[in-house]
PDB file of N, CA and C in Angstrom:
ATOM      1  N   MET A   1      -2.415  -1.421   4.557  1.00  0.00           N
ATOM      2  CA  MET A   1      -1.682  -0.171   4.528  1.00  0.00           C
ATOM      3  C   MET A   1      -0.486  -0.236   5.474  1.00  0.00           C
ATOM      4  N   ASP A   2      -0.671  -0.903   6.607  1.00  0.00           N
ATOM      5  CA  ASP A   2       0.420  -0.974   7.587  1.00  0.00           C
ATOM      6  C   ASP A   2       1.646  -1.679   7.018  1.00  0.00           C
ATOM      7  N   GLU A   3       1.404  -2.705   6.212  1.00  0.00           N
ATOM      8  CA  GLU A   3       2.540  -3.424   5.615  1.00  0.00           C
ATOM      9  C   GLU A   3       3.287  -2.518   4.633  1.00  0.00           C
ATOM     10  N   LEU A   4       2.534  -1.739   3.865  1.00  0.00           N
ATOM     11  CA  LEU A   4       3.150  -0.807   2.919  1.00  0.00           C
ATOM     12  C   LEU A   4       3.944   0.265   3.663  1.00  0.00           C
ATOM     13  N   VAL A   5       3.375   0.797   4.734  1.00  0.00           N
ATOM     14  CA  VAL A   5       4.069   1.812   5.536  1.00  0.00           C
ATOM     15  C   VAL A   5       5.349   1.228   6.120  1.00  0.00           C
ATOM     16  N   ALA A   6       5.259   0.014   6.654  1.00  0.00           N
ATOM     17  CA  ALA A   6       6.449  -0.631   7.226  1.00  0.00           C
ATOM     18  C   ALA A   6       7.523  -0.831   6.164  1.00  0.00           C
ATOM     19  N   LEU A   7       7.104  -1.182   4.960  1.00  0.00           N
ATOM     20  CA  LEU A   7       8.060  -1.371   3.878  1.00  0.00           C
ATOM     21  C   LEU A   7       8.751  -0.059   3.515  1.00  0.00           C
ATOM     22  N   VAL A   8       7.997   1.028   3.474  1.00  0.00           N
ATOM     23  CA  VAL A   8       8.583   2.340   3.178  1.00  0.00           C
ATOM     24  C   VAL A   8       9.571   2.734   4.278  1.00  0.00           C
ATOM     25  N   VAL A   9       9.188   2.500   5.524  1.00  0.00           N
ATOM     26  CA  VAL A   9      10.103   2.803   6.641  1.00  0.00           C
ATOM     27  C   VAL A   9      11.384   1.993   6.506  1.00  0.00           C
ATOM     28  N   GLU A  10      11.234   0.697   6.219  1.00  0.00           N
ATOM     29  CA  GLU A  10      12.400  -0.187   6.100  1.00  0.00           C
ATOM     30  C   GLU A  10      13.318   0.235   4.952  1.00  0.00           C
ATOM     31  N   LYS A  11      12.724   0.553   3.811  1.00  0.00           N
ATOM     32  CA  LYS A  11      13.517   0.869   2.615  1.00  0.00           C
ATOM     33  C   LYS A  11      14.134   2.259   2.655  1.00  0.00           C
ATOM     34  N   THR A  12      13.480   3.198   3.347  1.00  0.00           N
ATOM     35  CA  THR A  12      13.949   4.581   3.299  1.00  0.00           C
ATOM     36  C   THR A  12      14.519   5.100   4.605  1.00  0.00           C
ATOM     37  N   GLY A  13      14.107   4.491   5.716  1.00  0.00           N
ATOM     38  CA  GLY A  13      14.585   4.954   7.015  1.00  0.00           C
ATOM     39  C   GLY A  13      13.844   6.171   7.550  1.00  0.00           C
ATOM     40  N   VAL A  14      12.767   6.579   6.883  1.00  0.00           N
ATOM     41  CA  VAL A  14      11.982   7.715   7.374  1.00  0.00           C
ATOM     42  C   VAL A  14      11.092   7.254   8.512  1.00  0.00           C
ATOM     43  N   SER A  15      10.514   8.199   9.237  1.00  0.00           N
ATOM     44  CA  SER A  15       9.627   7.860  10.350  1.00  0.00           C
ATOM     45  C   SER A  15       8.332   7.247   9.826  1.00  0.00           C
ATOM     46  N   GLU A  16       7.623   6.578  10.705  1.00  0.00           N
ATOM     47  CA  GLU A  16       6.358   5.953  10.322  1.00  0.00           C
ATOM     48  C   GLU A  16       5.347   7.000   9.858  1.00  0.00           C
ATOM     49  N   ASP A  17       5.322   8.145  10.512  1.00  0.00           N
ATOM     50  CA  ASP A  17       4.389   9.209  10.104  1.00  0.00           C
ATOM     51  C   ASP A  17       4.686   9.701   8.690  1.00  0.00           C
ATOM     52  N   VAL A  18       5.947   9.896   8.390  1.00  0.00           N
ATOM     53  CA  VAL A  18       6.338  10.346   7.049  1.00  0.00           C
ATOM     54  C   VAL A  18       6.017   9.262   6.023  1.00  0.00           C
ATOM     55  N   ALA A  19       6.296   8.018   6.360  1.00  0.00           N
ATOM     56  CA  ALA A  19       6.018   6.908   5.444  1.00  0.00           C
ATOM     57  C   ALA A  19       4.521   6.781   5.183  1.00  0.00           C
ATOM     58  N   ARG A  20       3.700   6.958   6.205  1.00  0.00           N
ATOM     59  CA  ARG A  20       2.247   6.867   6.049  1.00  0.00           C
ATOM     60  C   ARG A  20       1.750   7.992   5.136  1.00  0.00           C
ATOM     61  N   THR A  21       2.271   9.193   5.329  1.00  0.00           N
ATOM     62  CA  THR A  21       1.883  10.316   4.476  1.00  0.00           C
ATOM     63  C   THR A  21       2.296  10.057   3.035  1.00  0.00           C
ATOM     64  N   ALA A  22       3.490   9.558   2.842  1.00  0.00           N
ATOM     65  CA  ALA A  22       3.979   9.258   1.491  1.00  0.00           C
ATOM     66  C   ALA A  22       3.123   8.176   0.835  1.00  0.00           C
ATOM     67  N   ALA A  23       2.821   7.123   1.575  1.00  0.00           N
ATOM     68  CA  ALA A  23       2.019   6.031   1.026  1.00  0.00           C
ATOM     69  C   ALA A  23       0.632   6.521   0.634  1.00  0.00           C
ATOM     70  N   LYS A  24      -0.004   7.307   1.498  1.00  0.00           N
ATOM     71  CA  LYS A  24      -1.335   7.839   1.194  1.00  0.00           C
ATOM     72  C   LYS A  24      -1.295   8.742  -0.035  1.00  0.00           C
ATOM     73  N   THR A  25      -0.246   9.538  -0.141  1.00  0.00           N
ATOM     74  CA  THR A  25      -0.116  10.444  -1.282  1.00  0.00           C
ATOM     75  C   THR A  25       0.030   9.669  -2.587  1.00  0.00           C
ATOM     76  N   VAL A  26       0.909   8.685  -2.593  1.00  0.00           N
ATOM     77  CA  VAL A  26       1.132   7.891  -3.806  1.00  0.00           C
ATOM     78  C   VAL A  26      -0.117   7.090  -4.159  1.00  0.00           C
ATOM     79  N   LEU A  27      -0.740   6.470  -3.173  1.00  0.00           N
ATOM     80  CA  LEU A  27      -1.945   5.688  -3.447  1.00  0.00           C
ATOM     81  C   LEU A  27      -3.073   6.572  -3.975  1.00  0.00           C
ATOM     82  N   GLY A  28      -3.212   7.762  -3.423  1.00  0.00           N
ATOM     83  CA  GLY A  28      -4.215   8.692  -3.928  1.00  0.00           C
ATOM     84  C   GLY A  28      -3.938   9.082  -5.368  1.00  0.00           C
ATOM     85  N   PHE A  29      -2.686   9.320  -5.672  1.00  0.00           N
ATOM     86  CA  PHE A  29      -2.271   9.664  -7.034  1.00  0.00           C
ATOM     87  C   PHE A  29      -2.639   8.540  -8.003  1.00  0.00           C
ATOM     88  N   VAL A  30      -2.302   7.308  -7.625  1.00  0.00           N
ATOM     89  CA  VAL A  30      -2.584   6.156  -8.484  1.00  0.00           C
ATOM     90  C   VAL A  30      -4.093   5.961  -8.639  1.00  0.00           C
ATOM     91  N   LYS A  31      -4.821   6.025  -7.533  1.00  0.00           N
ATOM     92  CA  LYS A  31      -6.268   5.817  -7.587  1.00  0.00           C
ATOM     93  C   LYS A  31      -6.952   6.844  -8.481  1.00  0.00           C
ATOM     94  N   ASP A  32      -6.502   8.068  -8.445  1.00  0.00           N
ATOM     95  CA  ASP A  32      -7.110   9.127  -9.258  1.00  0.00           C
ATOM     96  C   ASP A  32      -6.894   8.903 -10.747  1.00  0.00           C
ATOM     97  N   ARG A  33      -5.890   8.126 -11.096  1.00  0.00           N
ATOM     98  CA  ARG A  33      -5.557   7.933 -12.500  1.00  0.00           C
ATOM     99  C   ARG A  33      -6.056   6.614 -13.078  1.00  0.00           C
ATOM    100  N   LEU A  34      -6.616   5.777 -12.239  1.00  0.00           N
ATOM    101  CA  LEU A  34      -7.180   4.520 -12.722  1.00  0.00           C
ATOM    102  C   LEU A  34      -8.581   4.759 -13.268  1.00  0.00           C
ATOM    103  N   PRO A  35      -9.036   3.882 -14.149  1.00  0.00           N
ATOM    104  CA  PRO A  35     -10.402   4.004 -14.662  1.00  0.00           C
ATOM    105  C   PRO A  35     -11.412   3.945 -13.512  1.00  0.00           C
ATOM    106  N   PRO A  36     -12.573   4.570 -13.707  1.00  0.00           N
ATOM    107  CA  PRO A  36     -13.610   4.560 -12.657  1.00  0.00           C
ATOM    108  C   PRO A  36     -13.898   3.139 -12.172  1.00  0.00           C
ATOM    109  N   GLY A  37     -13.976   3.003 -10.864  1.00  0.00           N
ATOM    110  CA  GLY A  37     -14.254   1.707 -10.259  1.00  0.00           C
ATOM    111  C   GLY A  37     -13.016   0.929  -9.872  1.00  0.00           C
ATOM    112  N   LEU A  38     -11.938   1.082 -10.612  1.00  0.00           N
ATOM    113  CA  LEU A  38     -10.721   0.335 -10.300  1.00  0.00           C
ATOM    114  C   LEU A  38      -9.971   0.931  -9.112  1.00  0.00           C
ATOM    115  N   GLY A  39     -10.056   2.227  -8.945  1.00  0.00           N
ATOM    116  CA  GLY A  39      -9.370   2.871  -7.830  1.00  0.00           C
ATOM    117  C   GLY A  39      -9.851   2.357  -6.488  1.00  0.00           C
ATOM    118  N   ASP A  40     -11.142   2.015  -6.412  1.00  0.00           N
ATOM    119  CA  ASP A  40     -11.690   1.490  -5.162  1.00  0.00           C
ATOM    120  C   ASP A  40     -11.093   0.136  -4.815  1.00  0.00           C
ATOM    121  N   ASN A  41     -10.640  -0.591  -5.806  1.00  0.00           N
ATOM    122  CA  ASN A  41     -10.041  -1.907  -5.563  1.00  0.00           C
ATOM    123  C   ASN A  41      -8.736  -1.803  -4.794  1.00  0.00           C
ATOM    124  N   ILE A  42      -8.059  -0.681  -4.895  1.00  0.00           N
ATOM    125  CA  ILE A  42      -6.804  -0.498  -4.148  1.00  0.00           C
ATOM    126  C   ILE A  42      -7.080  -0.537  -2.656  1.00  0.00           C
ATOM    127  N   ASP A  43      -8.156   0.125  -2.231  1.00  0.00           N
ATOM    128  CA  ASP A  43      -8.505   0.099  -0.807  1.00  0.00           C
ATOM    129  C   ASP A  43      -8.772  -1.327  -0.343  1.00  0.00           C
ATOM    130  N   ALA A  44      -9.500  -2.100  -1.147  1.00  0.00           N
ATOM    131  CA  ALA A  44      -9.789  -3.488  -0.799  1.00  0.00           C
ATOM    132  C   ALA A  44      -8.503  -4.306  -0.742  1.00  0.00           C
ATOM    133  N   LEU A  45      -7.607  -4.060  -1.664  1.00  0.00           N
ATOM    134  CA  LEU A  45      -6.335  -4.773  -1.703  1.00  0.00           C
ATOM    135  C   LEU A  45      -5.521  -4.511  -0.439  1.00  0.00           C
ATOM    136  N   LEU A  46      -5.573  -3.288   0.033  1.00  0.00           N
ATOM    137  CA  LEU A  46      -4.769  -2.914   1.195  1.00  0.00           C
ATOM    138  C   LEU A  46      -5.402  -3.292   2.531  1.00  0.00           C
ATOM    139  N   GLN A  47      -6.598  -3.827   2.501  1.00  0.00           N
ATOM    140  CA  GLN A  47      -7.249  -4.238   3.738  1.00  0.00           C
ATOM    141  C   GLN A  47      -6.557  -5.450   4.357  1.00  0.00           C
ATOM    142  N   GLY A  48      -5.778  -6.150   3.570  1.00  0.00           N
ATOM    143  CA  GLY A  48      -5.069  -7.319   4.088  1.00  0.00           C
ATOM    144  C   GLY A  48      -5.859  -8.579   3.847  1.00  0.00           C
ATOM    145  N   GLY A  49      -5.181  -9.685   4.018  1.00  0.00           N
ATOM    146  CA  GLY A  49      -5.830 -10.963   3.769  1.00  0.00           C
ATOM    147  C   GLY A  49      -5.100 -12.070   4.484  1.00  0.00           C
ATOM    148  N   GLU A  50      -5.039 -13.184   3.870  1.00  0.00           N
ATOM    149  CA  GLU A  50      -4.423 -14.351   4.475  1.00  0.00           C
ATOM    150  C   GLU A  50      -2.999 -14.067   4.927  1.00  0.00           C
ATOM    151  N   GLY A  51      -2.704 -14.470   6.130  1.00  0.00           N
ATOM    152  CA  GLY A  51      -1.348 -14.325   6.642  1.00  0.00           C
ATOM    153  C   GLY A  51      -0.926 -12.888   6.847  1.00  0.00           C
ATOM    154  N   GLY A  52      -1.896 -11.946   6.806  1.00  0.00           N
ATOM    155  CA  GLY A  52      -1.570 -10.556   7.028  1.00  0.00           C
ATOM    156  C   GLY A  52      -0.862  -9.894   5.862  1.00  0.00           C
ATOM    157  N   GLU A  53      -0.797 -10.593   4.739  1.00  0.00           N
ATOM    158  CA  GLU A  53      -0.127 -10.015   3.588  1.00  0.00           C
ATOM    159  C   GLU A  53      -1.094  -9.139   2.828  1.00  0.00           C
ATOM    160  N   ILE A  54      -0.591  -8.172   2.123  1.00  0.00           N
ATOM    161  CA  ILE A  54      -1.432  -7.250   1.382  1.00  0.00           C
ATOM    162  C   ILE A  54      -2.347  -8.037   0.463  1.00  0.00           C
ATOM    163  N   GLY A  55      -3.651  -7.914   0.715  1.00  0.00           N
ATOM    164  CA  GLY A  55      -4.643  -8.537  -0.135  1.00  0.00           C
ATOM    165  C   GLY A  55      -4.594 -10.045  -0.182  1.00  0.00           C
ATOM    166  N   GLY A  56      -3.817 -10.688   0.678  1.00  0.00           N
ATOM    167  CA  GLY A  56      -3.729 -12.137   0.646  1.00  0.00           C
ATOM    168  C   GLY A  56      -3.182 -12.651  -0.683  1.00  0.00           C
ATOM    169  N   LEU A  57      -2.329 -11.896  -1.297  1.00  0.00           N
ATOM    170  CA  LEU A  57      -1.832 -12.275  -2.623  1.00  0.00           C
ATOM    171  C   LEU A  57      -0.500 -12.986  -2.563  1.00  0.00           C
ATOM    172  N   GLY A  58      -0.279 -13.697  -1.488  1.00  0.00           N
ATOM    173  CA  GLY A  58       0.939 -14.488  -1.394  1.00  0.00           C
ATOM    174  C   GLY A  58       2.202 -13.665  -1.318  1.00  0.00           C
ATOM    175  N   GLY A  59       2.116 -12.455  -0.764  1.00  0.00           N
ATOM    176  CA  GLY A  59       3.300 -11.638  -0.586  1.00  0.00           C
ATOM    177  C   GLY A  59       3.654 -10.786  -1.768  1.00  0.00           C
ATOM    178  N   ILE A  60       2.764 -10.700  -2.756  1.00  0.00           N
ATOM    179  CA  ILE A  60       3.080  -9.889  -3.940  1.00  0.00           C
ATOM    180  C   ILE A  60       3.315  -8.425  -3.565  1.00  0.00           C
ATOM    181  N   GLY A  61       2.676  -7.973  -2.487  1.00  0.00           N
ATOM    182  CA  GLY A  61       2.885  -6.601  -2.040  1.00  0.00           C
ATOM    183  C   GLY A  61       4.336  -6.339  -1.688  1.00  0.00           C
ATOM    184  N   LYS A  62       5.022  -7.366  -1.199  1.00  0.00           N
ATOM    185  CA  LYS A  62       6.431  -7.210  -0.849  1.00  0.00           C
ATOM    186  C   LYS A  62       7.287  -7.008  -2.083  1.00  0.00           C
ATOM    187  N   LEU A  63       6.823  -7.513  -3.202  1.00  0.00           N
ATOM    188  CA  LEU A  63       7.584  -7.344  -4.447  1.00  0.00           C
ATOM    189  C   LEU A  63       7.556  -5.906  -4.936  1.00  0.00           C
ATOM    190  N   LEU A  64       6.569  -5.132  -4.479  1.00  0.00           N
ATOM    191  CA  LEU A  64       6.459  -3.741  -4.911  1.00  0.00           C
ATOM    192  C   LEU A  64       7.587  -2.894  -4.360  1.00  0.00           C
ATOM    193  N   GLY A  65       8.238  -3.370  -3.314  1.00  0.00           N
ATOM    194  CA  GLY A  65       9.331  -2.631  -2.701  1.00  0.00           C
ATOM    195  C   GLY A  65      10.558  -2.767  -3.514  1.00  0.00           C
TER     196      GLY A  65
END
């Protein structure tokens, strides 16, 4: 989540608190619309992984920006 918040701050220039609120809001929106069981995978993805990148997916989280 921290990487996503940092990306929002970098791209928009808003404060970290505002970026965190925005990220939580959007992620909640997406999770609510995914099929049952898949929404929980977003939390696991955002826990981080290898090299501190989102989910250890080789930086794919950075492409979302």
